[in-house]
Amino acid sequence: MNIVNQILEFIFGNVYLKFLFILIVTLIIAYLLKFIFRKVLKPLTKKTETKIDDLIIKSTSSIVFYIVLVLGIKYGLQYFELTTTIYNNLLNTLLVIIVSLLLIRIVNNFFKHWAEEWRHKTKTTTDERIIPLLQKIVKAVIIILAVVFIFSAWNINISPLLATAGIAGLAIGLAVKDSLANILGGLQLVLDKTFKVGDKVELESGEMGVILDIGLRSTKLKTYDNEIIHIPNGALANAKIKNFTQPDFSIRVNVEFGVVYGAEPEKVRQVVVKALKKIGEVLEDPEPVVEFKKMSDFSLDFIARAWVKEYTQAYSTKLRMTDEIYKALNKAKIGIPFPTHTIYTKPAE
């Protein structure tokens, strides 16, 4: 026991031996943590459903070694009488750089995983453009913060630089606010799953067509007249949009028609429903229905409703329904009215 005490007194009585002892202990701890990360935590993360923990362990397993090593060296240098502020500043700078590299590595792995996930879930090219852009923005923020901490470690006053950067950032923000609004709008459309490439949509302004592409700044809409409309994503993010493909591809087709006064409503329903069931695109479930809407000035107004499996069949089915309803009413001797006026005249006295 006395020998152990003598050895410890000898080691801790010598500054260089004390530093060497601290360095050895630090290396042991660093290698031990590295071993735990790779041999213990990494296999455990593979058993979980989420991949976030895999990415974190993968990113931190190697860099954590250098963080512990720098902290150990910084602690050991405190016992040297020659230690000056410059040593601490250098070590603090090195520590900030290592932590920044660690964060950048985590960001790269996370966004790479995110890009792979979204590539299989969406057909749009927006995620392929926005995700790298967001990755660069986050990395830029990490680098800026690292520079700020390094300046702070060296006691450099950065207030004038921050003021200048703030003014420049404000000017740039005002100049590109519309572009940023469109980029963020595109990201919102993708995350909210408002629509995807191939969806049939109708905009609040009345345009109808198929989504051709969702770009970084604008979305391409192909109309049924074979025209391409470029719409800013910022405007789409704040607009009401009718999506014909959600919640599924089936859609209801409505055809309004009128018959003459005196016609039996029940007979009209039977005749028209029978005609609609002969149309191949019309679904049996839900079955087609005919509703008596109102008694207008010149006719009894009805509406025929039928469902089709695909929204792409809606227009052609509506034309077919109109044709079959007209034929069925004529065959059943049910009159189709047109506007008339009855004029009563009084003989002159």
Protein backbone atom coordinates (compact mmCIF):
# COMPACT_ATOMS: atom_id res chain seq x y z
CA MET A 1 0.00 0.00 0.00
CA ASN A 2 2.88 2.32 0.83
CA ILE A 3 4.44 1.52 -2.55
CA VAL A 4 1.23 2.49 -4.35
CA ASN A 5 1.06 5.75 -2.42
CA GLN A 6 4.69 6.48 -3.26
CA ILE A 7 4.05 5.82 -6.93
CA LEU A 8 0.99 8.09 -6.95
CA GLU A 9 2.89 10.82 -5.09
CA PHE A 10 5.73 10.50 -7.58
CA ILE A 11 3.37 10.69 -10.57
CA PHE A 12 1.25 13.54 -9.29
CA GLY A 13 4.28 15.35 -7.96
CA ASN A 14 5.72 15.65 -11.46
CA VAL A 15 3.81 17.88 -13.88
CA TYR A 16 4.91 15.97 -16.97
CA LEU A 17 4.06 12.59 -15.51
CA LYS A 18 0.72 13.93 -14.34
CA PHE A 19 -0.01 15.15 -17.87
CA LEU A 20 1.09 11.79 -19.31
CA PHE A 21 -1.12 9.95 -16.81
CA ILE A 22 -4.13 12.10 -17.70
CA LEU A 23 -3.42 11.56 -21.41
CA ILE A 24 -3.27 7.77 -20.97
CA VAL A 25 -6.51 7.73 -18.95
CA THR A 26 -8.13 9.94 -21.59
CA LEU A 27 -7.05 7.59 -24.38
CA ILE A 28 -8.43 4.62 -22.47
CA ILE A 29 -11.77 6.38 -21.95
CA ALA A 30 -11.88 7.50 -25.60
CA TYR A 31 -11.20 3.99 -26.92
CA LEU A 32 -13.68 2.54 -24.45
CA LEU A 33 -16.40 4.92 -25.65
CA LYS A 34 -15.53 4.13 -29.26
CA PHE A 35 -15.82 0.41 -28.48
CA ILE A 36 -19.19 0.92 -26.73
CA PHE A 37 -20.54 2.93 -29.66
CA ARG A 38 -19.50 0.37 -32.30
CA LYS A 39 -19.90 -2.95 -30.51
CA VAL A 40 -22.77 -2.28 -28.11
CA LEU A 41 -24.92 0.66 -29.20
CA LYS A 42 -24.69 0.09 -32.97
CA PRO A 43 -26.11 -3.50 -32.81
CA LEU A 44 -28.87 -2.27 -30.50
CA THR A 45 -29.94 0.46 -32.93
CA LYS A 46 -30.40 -2.13 -35.69
CA LYS A 47 -33.14 -3.76 -33.63
CA THR A 48 -35.26 -0.59 -33.49
CA GLU A 49 -37.78 0.39 -36.17
CA THR A 50 -36.52 3.95 -36.60
CA LYS A 51 -33.26 4.68 -38.40
CA ILE A 52 -32.59 7.98 -36.68
CA ASP A 53 -30.64 6.34 -33.86
CA ASP A 54 -28.57 4.41 -36.44
CA LEU A 55 -27.63 7.68 -38.11
CA ILE A 56 -26.67 9.34 -34.82
CA ILE A 57 -24.49 6.41 -33.68
CA LYS A 58 -22.89 6.16 -37.12
CA SER A 59 -22.05 9.87 -37.13
CA THR A 60 -20.78 10.17 -33.55
CA SER A 61 -18.89 6.87 -33.09
CA SER A 62 -15.60 8.10 -34.56
CA ILE A 63 -15.67 11.83 -33.71
CA VAL A 64 -16.51 11.28 -30.03
CA PHE A 65 -13.00 9.81 -29.69
CA TYR A 66 -11.40 13.11 -30.69
CA ILE A 67 -13.74 15.17 -28.50
CA VAL A 68 -12.73 13.18 -25.39
CA LEU A 69 -9.07 13.39 -26.38
CA VAL A 70 -9.15 17.19 -26.75
CA LEU A 71 -10.98 17.57 -23.43
CA GLY A 72 -8.35 15.38 -21.73
CA ILE A 73 -5.47 17.39 -23.21
CA LYS A 74 -7.15 20.63 -22.19
CA TYR A 75 -7.54 19.34 -18.63
CA GLY A 76 -3.93 18.10 -18.47
CA LEU A 77 -2.43 21.37 -19.71
CA GLN A 78 -3.90 23.20 -16.74
CA TYR A 79 -1.04 21.86 -14.55
CA PHE A 80 1.72 23.45 -16.65
CA GLU A 81 2.98 26.75 -15.33
CA LEU A 82 3.82 27.78 -18.89
CA THR A 83 0.20 27.43 -19.90
CA THR A 84 -1.06 30.72 -21.29
CA THR A 85 -4.33 31.91 -22.68
CA ILE A 86 -3.25 31.02 -26.18
CA TYR A 87 -3.19 27.30 -25.33
CA ASN A 88 -6.76 27.39 -24.05
CA ASN A 89 -7.84 29.41 -27.06
CA LEU A 90 -6.27 26.90 -29.44
CA LEU A 91 -7.86 23.97 -27.64
CA ASN A 92 -11.25 25.69 -27.50
CA THR A 93 -10.96 26.42 -31.21
CA LEU A 94 -10.04 22.81 -31.92
CA LEU A 95 -12.98 21.60 -29.81
CA VAL A 96 -15.40 23.90 -31.66
CA ILE A 97 -14.11 22.61 -35.00
CA ILE A 98 -14.50 18.97 -33.96
CA VAL A 99 -18.04 19.52 -32.64
CA SER A 100 -18.93 21.41 -35.84
CA LEU A 101 -17.61 18.53 -37.96
CA LEU A 102 -19.67 16.15 -35.85
CA LEU A 103 -22.84 18.20 -36.41
CA ILE A 104 -22.15 18.52 -40.14
CA ARG A 105 -21.65 14.77 -40.38
CA ILE A 106 -24.95 14.13 -38.58
CA VAL A 107 -26.70 16.61 -40.90
CA ASN A 108 -25.24 14.95 -44.01
CA ASN A 109 -26.30 11.47 -42.91
CA PHE A 110 -29.75 12.66 -41.85
CA PHE A 111 -30.49 14.52 -45.10
CA LYS A 112 -29.11 11.63 -47.16
CA HIS A 113 -31.50 9.28 -45.39
CA TRP A 114 -34.36 11.77 -45.78
CA ALA A 115 -33.67 12.13 -49.51
CA GLU A 116 -33.70 8.35 -49.98
CA GLU A 117 -37.00 8.04 -48.13
CA TRP A 118 -38.73 10.81 -50.10
CA ARG A 119 -37.37 9.62 -53.45
CA HIS A 120 -39.37 6.40 -53.19
CA LYS A 121 -42.51 8.07 -51.81
CA THR A 122 -42.94 10.91 -54.32
CA LYS A 123 -42.67 11.35 -58.08
CA THR A 124 -42.07 15.07 -57.81
CA THR A 125 -38.61 16.59 -58.31
CA THR A 126 -39.16 19.16 -55.57
CA ASP A 127 -37.74 17.00 -52.79
CA GLU A 128 -34.64 16.32 -54.91
CA ARG A 129 -34.03 20.09 -55.10
CA ILE A 130 -35.28 21.32 -51.75
CA ILE A 131 -33.55 18.71 -49.55
CA PRO A 132 -30.02 19.59 -50.80
CA LEU A 133 -30.90 23.28 -50.41
CA LEU A 134 -32.02 22.77 -46.81
CA GLN A 135 -28.90 20.70 -46.18
CA LYS A 136 -26.69 23.56 -47.36
CA ILE A 137 -28.62 26.08 -45.25
CA VAL A 138 -28.24 23.99 -42.07
CA LYS A 139 -24.52 23.43 -42.75
CA ALA A 140 -24.07 27.15 -43.33
CA VAL A 141 -25.75 27.92 -40.00
CA ILE A 142 -23.44 25.45 -38.21
CA ILE A 143 -20.36 27.02 -39.81
CA ILE A 144 -21.50 30.55 -38.93
CA LEU A 145 -22.10 29.55 -35.31
CA ALA A 146 -18.69 27.84 -35.21
CA VAL A 147 -17.02 31.03 -36.43
CA VAL A 148 -18.89 33.04 -33.79
CA PHE A 149 -17.73 30.68 -31.01
CA ILE A 150 -14.14 30.76 -32.29
CA PHE A 151 -14.13 34.57 -32.29
CA SER A 152 -15.59 34.50 -28.81
CA ALA A 153 -12.82 32.12 -27.64
CA TRP A 154 -10.19 34.59 -28.86
CA ASN A 155 -12.07 37.54 -27.28
CA ILE A 156 -12.71 39.18 -30.63
CA ASN A 157 -15.59 41.65 -30.63
CA ILE A 158 -17.95 40.59 -33.42
CA SER A 159 -20.72 43.10 -32.74
CA PRO A 160 -19.76 45.32 -35.73
CA LEU A 161 -19.64 42.22 -37.96
CA LEU A 162 -23.05 41.06 -36.72
CA ALA A 163 -24.54 44.50 -37.33
CA THR A 164 -23.13 44.56 -40.86
CA ALA A 165 -24.32 41.00 -41.50
CA GLY A 166 -27.76 41.89 -40.17
CA ILE A 167 -28.10 44.84 -42.54
CA ALA A 168 -26.83 42.78 -45.46
CA GLY A 169 -29.16 39.92 -44.56
CA LEU A 170 -32.13 42.28 -44.41
CA ALA A 171 -31.31 43.70 -47.83
CA ILE A 172 -30.85 40.26 -49.35
CA GLY A 173 -34.03 39.00 -47.68
CA LEU A 174 -36.08 41.84 -49.16
CA ALA A 175 -34.57 41.21 -52.57
CA VAL A 176 -35.31 37.49 -52.65
CA LYS A 177 -38.42 37.30 -50.46
CA ASP A 178 -40.63 36.20 -53.36
CA SER A 179 -38.20 33.44 -54.36
CA LEU A 180 -37.94 32.27 -50.75
CA ALA A 181 -41.74 32.29 -50.45
CA ASN A 182 -41.98 30.08 -53.54
CA ILE A 183 -39.29 27.69 -52.28
CA LEU A 184 -40.93 27.36 -48.87
CA GLY A 185 -44.31 27.02 -50.58
CA GLY A 186 -42.99 24.12 -52.64
CA LEU A 187 -41.69 22.46 -49.48
CA GLN A 188 -45.09 22.95 -47.82
CA LEU A 189 -46.90 21.39 -50.79
CA VAL A 190 -44.67 18.32 -50.64
CA LEU A 191 -44.90 17.89 -46.86
CA ASP A 192 -48.67 18.44 -46.77
CA LYS A 193 -49.13 16.06 -49.75
CA THR A 194 -51.54 18.56 -51.33
CA PHE A 195 -51.01 16.85 -54.69
CA LYS A 196 -48.42 14.86 -56.57
CA VAL A 197 -47.33 14.48 -60.17
CA GLY A 198 -50.16 12.99 -62.23
CA ASP A 199 -53.01 14.29 -60.06
CA LYS A 200 -55.98 16.03 -61.66
CA VAL A 201 -56.65 19.32 -59.87
CA GLU A 202 -58.81 22.39 -60.21
CA LEU A 203 -57.41 25.67 -58.94
CA GLU A 204 -59.29 28.38 -57.12
CA SER A 205 -58.89 30.59 -60.20
CA GLY A 206 -60.69 28.01 -62.37
CA GLU A 207 -57.82 26.31 -64.23
CA MET A 208 -58.11 22.53 -64.42
CA GLY A 209 -55.54 20.00 -65.52
CA VAL A 210 -52.94 17.43 -64.52
CA ILE A 211 -49.87 18.19 -62.40
CA LEU A 212 -46.87 17.76 -64.68
CA ASP A 213 -44.08 18.71 -62.26
CA ILE A 214 -43.56 20.36 -58.87
CA GLY A 215 -40.40 22.41 -59.18
CA LEU A 216 -38.34 24.38 -56.72
CA ARG A 217 -40.07 27.70 -57.45
CA SER A 218 -43.17 26.82 -59.49
CA THR A 219 -45.54 23.99 -60.39
CA LYS A 220 -46.40 22.98 -63.96
CA LEU A 221 -50.06 22.31 -64.71
CA LYS A 222 -50.98 20.73 -68.04
CA THR A 223 -54.51 21.70 -69.09
CA TYR A 224 -56.81 19.58 -71.23
CA ASP A 225 -56.16 21.99 -74.10
CA ASN A 226 -52.51 20.82 -74.02
CA GLU A 227 -51.29 24.06 -72.47
CA ILE A 228 -48.67 24.34 -69.73
CA ILE A 229 -49.36 26.80 -66.89
CA HIS A 230 -46.49 27.73 -64.55
CA ILE A 231 -47.88 28.63 -61.11
CA PRO A 232 -45.65 30.02 -58.29
CA ASN A 233 -45.55 27.64 -55.35
CA GLY A 234 -46.11 30.52 -52.91
CA ALA A 235 -49.48 31.24 -54.52
CA LEU A 236 -50.46 27.56 -54.57
CA ALA A 237 -49.59 27.11 -50.88
CA ASN A 238 -52.21 29.76 -49.96
CA ALA A 239 -54.87 28.79 -52.53
CA LYS A 240 -57.89 26.47 -52.42
CA ILE A 241 -57.20 23.43 -54.59
CA LYS A 242 -59.66 20.71 -55.58
CA ASN A 243 -57.85 17.39 -55.97
CA PHE A 244 -59.85 14.83 -57.93
CA THR A 245 -57.54 11.95 -56.95
CA GLN A 246 -58.04 12.20 -53.19
CA PRO A 247 -59.07 10.29 -51.17
CA ASP A 248 -59.13 7.84 -54.14
CA PHE A 249 -59.52 7.88 -57.92
CA SER A 250 -63.30 7.31 -57.98
CA ILE A 251 -65.49 10.34 -58.71
CA ARG A 252 -69.19 11.16 -59.03
CA VAL A 253 -70.58 12.46 -62.33
CA ASN A 254 -73.67 14.69 -62.30
CA VAL A 255 -76.00 15.46 -65.21
CA GLU A 256 -78.91 17.87 -64.81
CA PHE A 257 -82.02 17.59 -66.98
CA GLY A 258 -85.66 18.66 -67.02
CA VAL A 259 -88.98 17.14 -68.06
CA VAL A 260 -92.35 18.66 -68.80
CA TYR A 261 -94.96 19.34 -66.15
CA GLY A 262 -97.33 16.39 -65.80
CA ALA A 263 -94.60 13.72 -65.97
CA GLU A 264 -94.53 11.20 -63.13
CA PRO A 265 -91.33 11.71 -61.07
CA GLU A 266 -91.09 8.02 -60.15
CA LYS A 267 -91.35 6.97 -63.79
CA VAL A 268 -88.65 9.48 -64.70
CA ARG A 269 -86.37 7.98 -62.03
CA GLN A 270 -86.93 4.41 -63.22
CA VAL A 271 -86.35 5.24 -66.89
CA VAL A 272 -83.18 7.24 -66.32
CA VAL A 273 -81.63 4.85 -63.74
CA LYS A 274 -82.22 1.93 -66.09
CA ALA A 275 -80.47 3.86 -68.88
CA LEU A 276 -77.53 4.75 -66.65
CA LYS A 277 -76.97 1.14 -65.59
CA LYS A 278 -76.38 0.19 -69.23
CA ILE A 279 -73.27 2.41 -69.36
CA GLY A 280 -70.18 0.28 -68.82
CA GLU A 281 -68.15 2.90 -66.92
CA VAL A 282 -70.92 3.52 -64.34
CA LEU A 283 -70.30 1.61 -61.10
CA GLU A 284 -72.97 -0.65 -59.61
CA ASP A 285 -71.86 0.24 -56.07
CA PRO A 286 -72.66 2.98 -55.25
CA GLU A 287 -75.55 2.60 -57.67
CA PRO A 288 -76.72 5.55 -59.81
CA VAL A 289 -79.54 7.71 -58.47
CA VAL A 290 -81.91 10.33 -59.87
CA GLU A 291 -83.11 13.16 -57.63
CA PHE A 292 -86.08 15.48 -58.13
CA LYS A 293 -84.60 18.91 -57.41
CA LYS A 294 -87.27 21.53 -57.92
CA MET A 295 -90.20 22.81 -59.97
CA SER A 296 -88.85 25.63 -62.09
CA ASP A 297 -90.66 27.97 -64.46
CA PHE A 298 -90.74 25.70 -67.50
CA SER A 299 -89.81 22.22 -66.24
CA LEU A 300 -89.48 19.70 -63.46
CA ASP A 301 -85.74 19.68 -62.74
CA PHE A 302 -83.88 16.44 -62.00
CA ILE A 303 -80.23 15.52 -61.51
CA ALA A 304 -78.70 12.13 -62.34
CA ARG A 305 -75.72 11.05 -60.22
CA ALA A 306 -73.40 8.13 -61.05
CA TRP A 307 -69.94 7.01 -59.91
CA VAL A 308 -67.00 6.01 -62.12
CA LYS A 309 -63.85 4.16 -61.07
CA GLU A 310 -61.28 6.62 -62.49
CA TYR A 311 -61.44 10.41 -62.65
CA THR A 312 -60.10 10.16 -66.21
CA GLN A 313 -63.45 8.59 -67.21
CA ALA A 314 -65.56 11.43 -65.81
CA TYR A 315 -65.80 13.67 -68.88
CA SER A 316 -66.53 10.93 -71.43
CA THR A 317 -69.03 9.29 -69.06
CA LYS A 318 -70.85 12.59 -68.57
CA LEU A 319 -71.26 12.93 -72.34
CA ARG A 320 -72.48 9.34 -72.56
CA MET A 321 -74.94 9.85 -69.69
CA THR A 322 -76.40 12.96 -71.34
CA ASP A 323 -76.87 11.07 -74.59
CA GLU A 324 -78.48 8.03 -72.93
CA ILE A 325 -80.82 10.16 -70.77
CA TYR A 326 -82.06 12.01 -73.84
CA LYS A 327 -82.70 8.78 -75.75
CA ALA A 328 -84.42 7.10 -72.78
CA LEU A 329 -86.78 10.02 -72.16
CA ASN A 330 -87.78 10.18 -75.82
CA LYS A 331 -88.34 6.42 -75.95
CA ALA A 332 -90.53 6.58 -72.83
CA LYS A 333 -92.58 9.44 -74.34
CA ILE A 334 -91.52 11.81 -71.54
CA GLY A 335 -91.37 15.33 -72.88
CA ILE A 336 -88.26 17.49 -72.60
CA PRO A 337 -89.39 21.11 -72.23
CA PHE A 338 -88.05 24.30 -73.67
CA PRO A 339 -88.80 27.87 -72.52
CA THR A 340 -92.34 28.94 -73.52
CA HIS A 341 -94.52 31.95 -72.86
CA THR A 342 -98.31 31.98 -72.88
CA ILE A 343 -99.78 35.32 -73.93
CA TYR A 344 -103.32 36.26 -72.96
CA THR A 345 -104.96 39.02 -74.97
CA LYS A 346 -108.03 40.94 -74.09
CA PRO A 347 -110.34 42.00 -76.96
CA ALA A 348 -110.45 45.71 -77.47
CA GLU A 349 -113.74 47.30 -76.40
